[in-house]
C-alpha cells in the first residue's frame, strides 16, 4: 500500500463543483496511513501525486503571516506571476471611476482573464466593472491557503481562465477560538492600519459528524497624502524630466460663441470653437496668488495637484464567513458555506477644474441655453486689459473665457460602499465508488458611490461665475459671500448604485474508469448552468453629465444572460511513470458557443525528477458591460496634443460594443522539478499564451499620435474644431488584434541546515522572467512591451497605457530561521529596470528614460513562547527605500512615482498577536 510521504493537513479538504481544488503539501512528513487521493489544482480528478502536471504555487497560512499583510491585494502583490498591467490597484481609485475596486492580472493579460475562486467556486464580478472580482472582498482572516494555477485552464474551469486561476481555500474544520489583533504605522506619517479578527469552530467533522466554523474581521486603513511624501508632492519638476501639471485658475482662452441661428431662427448660447489658449496674466513670481505654482517647463502658472492627492485611500472593511458541514453517513455530507464582505473606501483629491474643454462635454448646458464657458466681461473690475493689450491685442475689449480651480468648493471627496455576498449549498460524497458533488451557488455584488464634497453642478457654477463682477479668476479664494455660493453648487449625494448577481447549479462525478497495464484510468464528468444579471443605475445627476470631476455622463444599463457548460476529463497512465490528462469543455453563451481542450503530461522516471507539459485552448466572451455599456463622452488622462501643442485632458467617447468577437487563446507550458540533493528542490516552468481577438480599448494618446501622423486607421477617430483643437477621441471597446506573451517561472527551495543548537535555516526564491509581451493592433502594428512604456516613435504602448509595467524579471527571495519558539524571516522584493516615457522636454518624444532596478526588504520576528499566544513584529520596506522617479503615461493622479508597483506606506512597522482559547 502506498505510504503518505508529502502532504499537508489541508489535503483533507476536497472542494469541488464545476471547478474543484485540493491542496498540495509543502512540508514532508511520514505516516503509516494510506495516501489520500486529492484534487490537484487544474483537474477535477482526485490523485495521489504531490506535484501535478500543471505549475501551482501554494501560499500557506504561515506564508501569509510572515508577509504581515492585512488584505488580499497586498498578499497577491507578492506573487511574481501577477502583473500590475491589466489589473486595478487600489491607488488607481484616486481621481478615477474604479469605485473602490482592486483586481489582479496573471501574466499581465488582464483581470478579466484571471479567474478568482473561493473553495473552488466562482464569485460575482464587481458590479460597476462587471469584468473581474474585487480581490479585497475575500475574507483574509478565514483563508487557510491560496493556490495559484499559473497555467491557462479554460478547458477545466471555463471561458475566463485564460491567464490562470487563483483559488482561496478557507478554513472549514476549525475547533476552538483564535483571536488576532494587528496594528501598524509608517515612518513618514499617514497610512495607519488597525485590524482585529476572530475565528471560532465547534465540532470535529471526523469525530462528531459535524463542524461549524465562523470567522469575522474588521480593519481600518488611513490615507496618505502626497504632501506627506517627498517624492510625491510635486506634479512636475522644473528640470524638464516630467510634466503632469494641471489646469490652474485664470488661464485665458478666446471666447468664440456660435453666431449661426438654429432651425428656429435663434442663436443658441453655444461655442463655435473651444478657443485659443492665450496664457495667464499671473507672472512667475505671483502664481501663488491663485493657488498655482510657476511651471518652468511650460513657462506659465500651473496647478500642482500632487500634495492634495491621496496616495492610498482610507478604507474600512468588515467580513463575516461561515461554513457548516454535516456527515450524513460515512461517505456523504451536506455542506453550507459562504461569506459577506463590506468595504467603505474614501478617496480624496484636489479641487475640481473648469475650462471650455471640460465643460463642452456637458449636454446640460445646451438644455439650459447657457454657454459652457466661464466668461469674464470687459466690464469686470478683474478684466485684464493691460495684459491683453501686451499679449493679445486683438482680444482687448472682447469677452474672454477663463479656467478656474474651485478651491472654495473644497477638495474632492467620495465614499464608495461595496458589498459582496457568496453562498453555497450542496452535497458531496461517494456513491458506488464514485465521487460526486452537487451544489447551488448564489453570488451578489452591490456597489455604490456618493460624493461628499468638491463636485459641483457645472451649469449652476458657470451661471454663478460667468459675467459676475465679484468673481476674480486670479485669486485662490473668493470673497466670503461668493465662496459660500460656490460651495452651495456642490452636488452631495449618490452618483451610482449597481448590482451584479449570478446563480449557478453545478454537478460533477469522478472516479476510476478502467484498469490499464500502467495503472488505473480515471474520469470526471460535469455540467454547470449559470444566470447572470447586471443593473447599473447612475443617478439623474450622473446621467446628465453635469457633475464636475466625473468626465462625462454615465447611462443606465440593465443586462442579463444565461450560459451553460458541460465538461469531461480523462486521466490515462500511458506507461510506468508517464500519465496524460485530457480535459474537454463546451461553454454555450447566447452569442457564442465554443469547445476547448486541455491536454497535459506528467513524467517522473525518478523520484528526484519530474517533467511536465501542457497545451490548451480557451475563449472568453465579452462581459456584460463590455458588450452593452452605452457609449458616452468622458475625459482622457493628461497628454500633449502633437497638432495644437495643447497639454491637458481631452474628450473621448467610451462604451461597449455589441459586435465584439470572443477572445480566443492558446496556452502551453513545459517544466521540470528537480530534487538534486536532500533539502533542495528546483522547479522551472516555461509558459506561453497567445490571445486573438483581444478585447481592449486603445490609448487616446496613441490614437491622437497615430492620427497626427496621418495613419488612416486612426484619423477618423479624432475630431477637431476649426481652430485645430481636439473635440473628441473615439476610444470604445474593440477587438484589437492579438497578444503574445511568454516567459519562465522559477521556484527554488533549500533547507540549508537543521540543527539542535542553532535552529533550522532555509531559503526560497520565486521569480518570473518575461521574454515576450507583444500586442498586435488593428493596423498591424506590433508593440513590444516588455520593460517599455513607449515605442520607438514615442507612442504609448497600448498594453501599458492604463498603467503598470511589464518587468523583465521579478523575484521574491526569503530567508528563514526558526529555533524553538523563535522565528525570523527576511524577504527581498526585486524588480528589474525598464524604459519609461520620454522626458517632458524631449525634442522628439522618442528618447525613453531608463528607470533602474528596484528592491525593498521586509523583516519579521515571531515568538510563541507564551501559552496559547504568538506574537509577530516586523518592518516592511525595512530601509525606507524611496521609489525611483517615474514619468508614467499620465494614468494616475499621483505624481513623481509609479503607484502600480510602489507602496507609498514606505517603512512600516507592525505588530500582531494571536491568542488561541
Foldseek 3Di string as FASTA:
>chain_A
DAWQWWADPQQVQWQAFLFTDTAAGDDTDTDPDHQDFHAHHLDPFTDRDRDDQFDKDKQFPVNVVFQQDDFDVSVCLAAFQKFLFQWAPQLLVFLAPPLRATAIDGNNQHQLLEFEEENGHHFAPAQVVQRHHRRRQDRPVFFRMKMWGQFARCLRRHFSRQRTYIYTYGDAFDAFKKKKWKWWAFPQDFFTKTKIKMKHKDDGCVPRQKMKIKMKMKMKTTWDALLSDPLFQFQDDQVQFFHAFAAFFAFWFAFAFFPDADPVRHRFGEHQAQGDTQAGPDAQVQLPQAQWHQRNLVRHTTHGWRRWFTSHWIKIKMKMWMKMWGHPDPFKIKMKIKMKMKMKTKTWTFFFKAGSQLQVQQCVCRVVSHYSFAKAALPAPQPPQVVCVVGPVVCHRHIIGIMAGLVLQPIWMKMKMKMKIKMKTWMWGDDPFKTKIKIKIKIKMKMWMWTDTRKFQSVQLSVLRHNDSQDHSSGNDGDPVSSVSNNVRADTTIFKIKMKMKMKIKMKMKGFDDADPQGTKIKMKMKMKMKMKMWIGGDPSQQSQRITSNFGHFDIDIDMWMKMKIKMKMWAAPHHQKIKMKMWMWIDTPVDIDIKMKMKMWGDPDPFKIKIKMKIKHKADDGPFQQDGDKGKGKAFWDAQPPSRDTHIHIEIETHHNPQDIKMKMKMKIKMWGDPDPQKIKIKMKIKMKIFLSKDWFHQQLLSVCLVVPPPVRVVQWDRRPVRHTHYGYTYIGRFGMWIWIWMWMKMKGFPDADQPFFTKIKIKTKIAIDFIWGAGPVRDIDTFEQEQADQQLRGDRSALLHTGRFRMWMKMKMWGDHDFKIKMKIKTKTAKGWAWGRSSDPRRRDTDIDGIDMFMKMKMKGDPDPQKIKMKIKTRQVQDDAQQGNHNSNRPTHRHGSSSDDPSGIMIMMMMMGTD
